[in-house]
Amino acid sequence: MAIFRLDAAAFARIDCRYIEFISWSIVNDGDDVFDCLVHVYNNGTLFYETLQEMEARKQIDLPPLAPNYAPFSLLIVTNYSTHKPMRIKAVLHNKGTLIATLTEKDFDRLD
């Protein structure tokens, strides 16, 4: 199992006070198919959940998230043994302006 987690809070490394919405995608760069469970928490409350089958060499664009400057957490759990085939891209916006692009390297990872 591979787990990815990204947290945003006021005055944290990723400061939610500047994040209005997020556009994001997940890519399976490997040759194997696996499942991916996605949870998004806003102010500690689960507000988005999906289970995706990650086909080999495919990208899934997830619906935009709108934390509207509140603390949030993105949690992605796979049933694959390593994080290596996963690519994650999260584009952070404030009032329509791109403020940062994050990748799987910016997430906390656990294999």
C-alpha atoms as a PDB file:
ATOM      1  CA  MET A   1       0.000   0.000   0.000  1.00  0.00           C
ATOM      2  CA  ALA A   2       1.245   3.486  -0.865  1.00  0.00           C
ATOM      3  CA  ILE A   3      -0.114   6.546   0.920  1.00  0.00           C
ATOM      4  CA  PHE A   4       0.209  10.206  -0.070  1.00  0.00           C
ATOM      5  CA  ARG A   5      -0.902  13.062   2.189  1.00  0.00           C
ATOM      6  CA  LEU A   6      -0.851  16.820   1.732  1.00  0.00           C
ATOM      7  CA  ASP A   7      -1.987  19.207   4.465  1.00  0.00           C
ATOM      8  CA  ALA A   8      -2.621  22.934   4.230  1.00  0.00           C
ATOM      9  CA  ALA A   9      -3.240  25.193   7.211  1.00  0.00           C
ATOM     10  CA  ALA A  10      -2.804  28.836   8.141  1.00  0.00           C
ATOM     11  CA  PHE A  11       0.881  29.755   8.453  1.00  0.00           C
ATOM     12  CA  ALA A  12       1.956  26.185   7.503  1.00  0.00           C
ATOM     13  CA  ARG A  13       4.386  25.133   4.755  1.00  0.00           C
ATOM     14  CA  ILE A  14       1.357  25.134   2.451  1.00  0.00           C
ATOM     15  CA  ASP A  15      -0.636  28.119   3.661  1.00  0.00           C
ATOM     16  CA  CYS A  16      -4.380  27.707   3.096  1.00  0.00           C
ATOM     17  CA  ARG A  17      -4.969  31.454   3.531  1.00  0.00           C
ATOM     18  CA  TYR A  18      -3.885  31.895  -0.111  1.00  0.00           C
ATOM     19  CA  ILE A  19      -5.621  28.891  -1.707  1.00  0.00           C
ATOM     20  CA  GLU A  20      -9.062  29.489  -3.172  1.00  0.00           C
ATOM     21  CA  PHE A  21      -9.262  26.380  -5.372  1.00  0.00           C
ATOM     22  CA  ILE A  22      -7.190  23.450  -6.634  1.00  0.00           C
ATOM     23  CA  SER A  23      -7.179  21.691  -9.993  1.00  0.00           C
ATOM     24  CA  TRP A  24      -5.501  18.300  -9.867  1.00  0.00           C
ATOM     25  CA  SER A  25      -4.813  15.010 -11.581  1.00  0.00           C
ATOM     26  CA  ILE A  26      -3.366  11.576 -10.850  1.00  0.00           C
ATOM     27  CA  VAL A  27      -1.323   9.528 -13.324  1.00  0.00           C
ATOM     28  CA  ASN A  28      -0.317   5.863 -13.287  1.00  0.00           C
ATOM     29  CA  ASP A  29       3.082   5.816 -15.017  1.00  0.00           C
ATOM     30  CA  GLY A  30       3.477   2.077 -14.474  1.00  0.00           C
ATOM     31  CA  ASP A  31       2.406  -1.019 -16.365  1.00  0.00           C
ATOM     32  CA  ASP A  32       0.150  -2.460 -13.640  1.00  0.00           C
ATOM     33  CA  VAL A  33      -3.465  -1.604 -12.843  1.00  0.00           C
ATOM     34  CA  PHE A  34      -4.288  -0.665  -9.244  1.00  0.00           C
ATOM     35  CA  ASP A  35      -6.965   1.095  -7.206  1.00  0.00           C
ATOM     36  CA  CYS A  36      -6.682   4.553  -5.716  1.00  0.00           C
ATOM     37  CA  LEU A  37      -8.861   5.851  -2.865  1.00  0.00           C
ATOM     38  CA  VAL A  38      -8.986   9.645  -2.591  1.00  0.00           C
ATOM     39  CA  HIS A  39     -10.248  11.547   0.455  1.00  0.00           C
ATOM     40  CA  VAL A  40     -10.331  15.319   0.765  1.00  0.00           C
ATOM     41  CA  TYR A  41     -10.992  16.918   4.123  1.00  0.00           C
ATOM     42  CA  ASN A  42     -11.954  20.572   4.563  1.00  0.00           C
ATOM     43  CA  ASN A  43     -11.666  21.872   8.132  1.00  0.00           C
ATOM     44  CA  GLY A  44     -11.469  18.245   9.291  1.00  0.00           C
ATOM     45  CA  THR A  45     -14.703  17.171   7.576  1.00  0.00           C
ATOM     46  CA  LEU A  46     -14.697  14.709   4.681  1.00  0.00           C
ATOM     47  CA  PHE A  47     -16.151  16.545   1.683  1.00  0.00           C
ATOM     48  CA  TYR A  48     -14.902  14.532  -1.295  1.00  0.00           C
ATOM     49  CA  GLU A  49     -14.318  10.807  -1.714  1.00  0.00           C
ATOM     50  CA  THR A  50     -13.719   8.666  -4.774  1.00  0.00           C
ATOM     51  CA  LEU A  51     -12.341   5.247  -5.624  1.00  0.00           C
ATOM     52  CA  GLN A  52     -10.601   5.127  -9.007  1.00  0.00           C
ATOM     53  CA  GLU A  53      -9.180   2.240 -10.994  1.00  0.00           C
ATOM     54  CA  MET A  54      -5.796   3.448 -12.204  1.00  0.00           C
ATOM     55  CA  GLU A  55      -5.185   1.856 -15.589  1.00  0.00           C
ATOM     56  CA  ALA A  56      -1.618   1.575 -16.851  1.00  0.00           C
ATOM     57  CA  ARG A  57      -0.254   4.787 -18.402  1.00  0.00           C
ATOM     58  CA  LYS A  58      -3.505   6.695 -17.816  1.00  0.00           C
ATOM     59  CA  GLN A  59      -4.313  10.074 -16.280  1.00  0.00           C
ATOM     60  CA  ILE A  60      -7.403  10.864 -14.241  1.00  0.00           C
ATOM     61  CA  ASP A  61      -8.440  14.495 -13.881  1.00  0.00           C
ATOM     62  CA  LEU A  62     -10.285  14.945 -10.612  1.00  0.00           C
ATOM     63  CA  PRO A  63     -12.942  17.625 -10.062  1.00  0.00           C
ATOM     64  CA  PRO A  64     -11.624  20.996  -8.891  1.00  0.00           C
ATOM     65  CA  LEU A  65     -11.589  21.447  -5.133  1.00  0.00           C
ATOM     66  CA  ALA A  66     -12.594  24.713  -3.502  1.00  0.00           C
ATOM     67  CA  PRO A  67     -11.310  24.915   0.071  1.00  0.00           C
ATOM     68  CA  ASN A  68     -11.904  28.701  -0.089  1.00  0.00           C
ATOM     69  CA  TYR A  69      -8.948  29.575   2.141  1.00  0.00           C
ATOM     70  CA  ALA A  70      -9.846  27.007   4.845  1.00  0.00           C
ATOM     71  CA  PRO A  71      -7.497  24.251   6.094  1.00  0.00           C
ATOM     72  CA  PHE A  72      -7.641  21.064   4.022  1.00  0.00           C
ATOM     73  CA  SER A  73      -6.000  17.658   3.621  1.00  0.00           C
ATOM     74  CA  LEU A  74      -5.636  15.504   0.529  1.00  0.00           C
ATOM     75  CA  LEU A  75      -5.227  11.788   1.242  1.00  0.00           C
ATOM     76  CA  ILE A  76      -4.540   9.266  -1.514  1.00  0.00           C
ATOM     77  CA  VAL A  77      -4.243   5.556  -0.692  1.00  0.00           C
ATOM     78  CA  THR A  78      -3.403   2.884  -3.268  1.00  0.00           C
ATOM     79  CA  ASN A  79      -3.441  -0.892  -3.101  1.00  0.00           C
ATOM     80  CA  TYR A  80      -0.071  -0.917  -4.889  1.00  0.00           C
ATOM     81  CA  SER A  81       3.095  -1.854  -3.003  1.00  0.00           C
ATOM     82  CA  THR A  82       5.079   1.298  -3.809  1.00  0.00           C
ATOM     83  CA  HIS A  83       4.528   4.967  -4.605  1.00  0.00           C
ATOM     84  CA  LYS A  84       6.839   4.885  -7.653  1.00  0.00           C
ATOM     85  CA  PRO A  85       4.288   4.641 -10.515  1.00  0.00           C
ATOM     86  CA  MET A  86       2.095   7.448  -9.108  1.00  0.00           C
ATOM     87  CA  ARG A  87       2.293  10.994 -10.402  1.00  0.00           C
ATOM     88  CA  ILE A  88       0.192  13.677  -8.754  1.00  0.00           C
ATOM     89  CA  LYS A  89      -0.210  17.246  -9.912  1.00  0.00           C
ATOM     90  CA  ALA A  90      -2.060  19.828  -7.836  1.00  0.00           C
ATOM     91  CA  VAL A  91      -2.319  23.374  -9.181  1.00  0.00           C
ATOM     92  CA  LEU A  92      -3.182  25.945  -6.511  1.00  0.00           C
ATOM     93  CA  HIS A  93      -5.092  29.102  -7.429  1.00  0.00           C
ATOM     94  CA  ASN A  94      -5.969  32.348  -5.679  1.00  0.00           C
ATOM     95  CA  LYS A  95      -8.607  34.548  -7.323  1.00  0.00           C
ATOM     96  CA  GLY A  96      -7.937  32.866 -10.677  1.00  0.00           C
ATOM     97  CA  THR A  97      -4.160  33.318 -10.489  1.00  0.00           C
ATOM     98  CA  LEU A  98      -1.890  30.275 -10.380  1.00  0.00           C
ATOM     99  CA  ILE A  99       0.157  30.474  -7.178  1.00  0.00           C
ATOM    100  CA  ALA A 100       1.871  27.056  -7.074  1.00  0.00           C
ATOM    101  CA  THR A 101       2.111  23.692  -8.774  1.00  0.00           C
ATOM    102  CA  LEU A 102       2.711  20.764  -6.449  1.00  0.00           C
ATOM    103  CA  THR A 103       3.684  17.208  -7.382  1.00  0.00           C
ATOM    104  CA  GLU A 104       3.813  13.865  -5.595  1.00  0.00           C
ATOM    105  CA  LYS A 105       7.218  14.961  -4.240  1.00  0.00           C
ATOM    106  CA  ASP A 106       5.470  17.642  -2.156  1.00  0.00           C
ATOM    107  CA  PHE A 107       3.201  15.080  -0.481  1.00  0.00           C
ATOM    108  CA  ASP A 108       4.182  13.130   2.623  1.00  0.00           C
ATOM    109  CA  ARG A 109       4.650   9.537   1.427  1.00  0.00           C
ATOM    110  CA  LEU A 110       4.458   6.190   3.140  1.00  0.00           C
ATOM    111  CA  ASP A 111       5.058   2.818   1.487  1.00  0.00           C
END
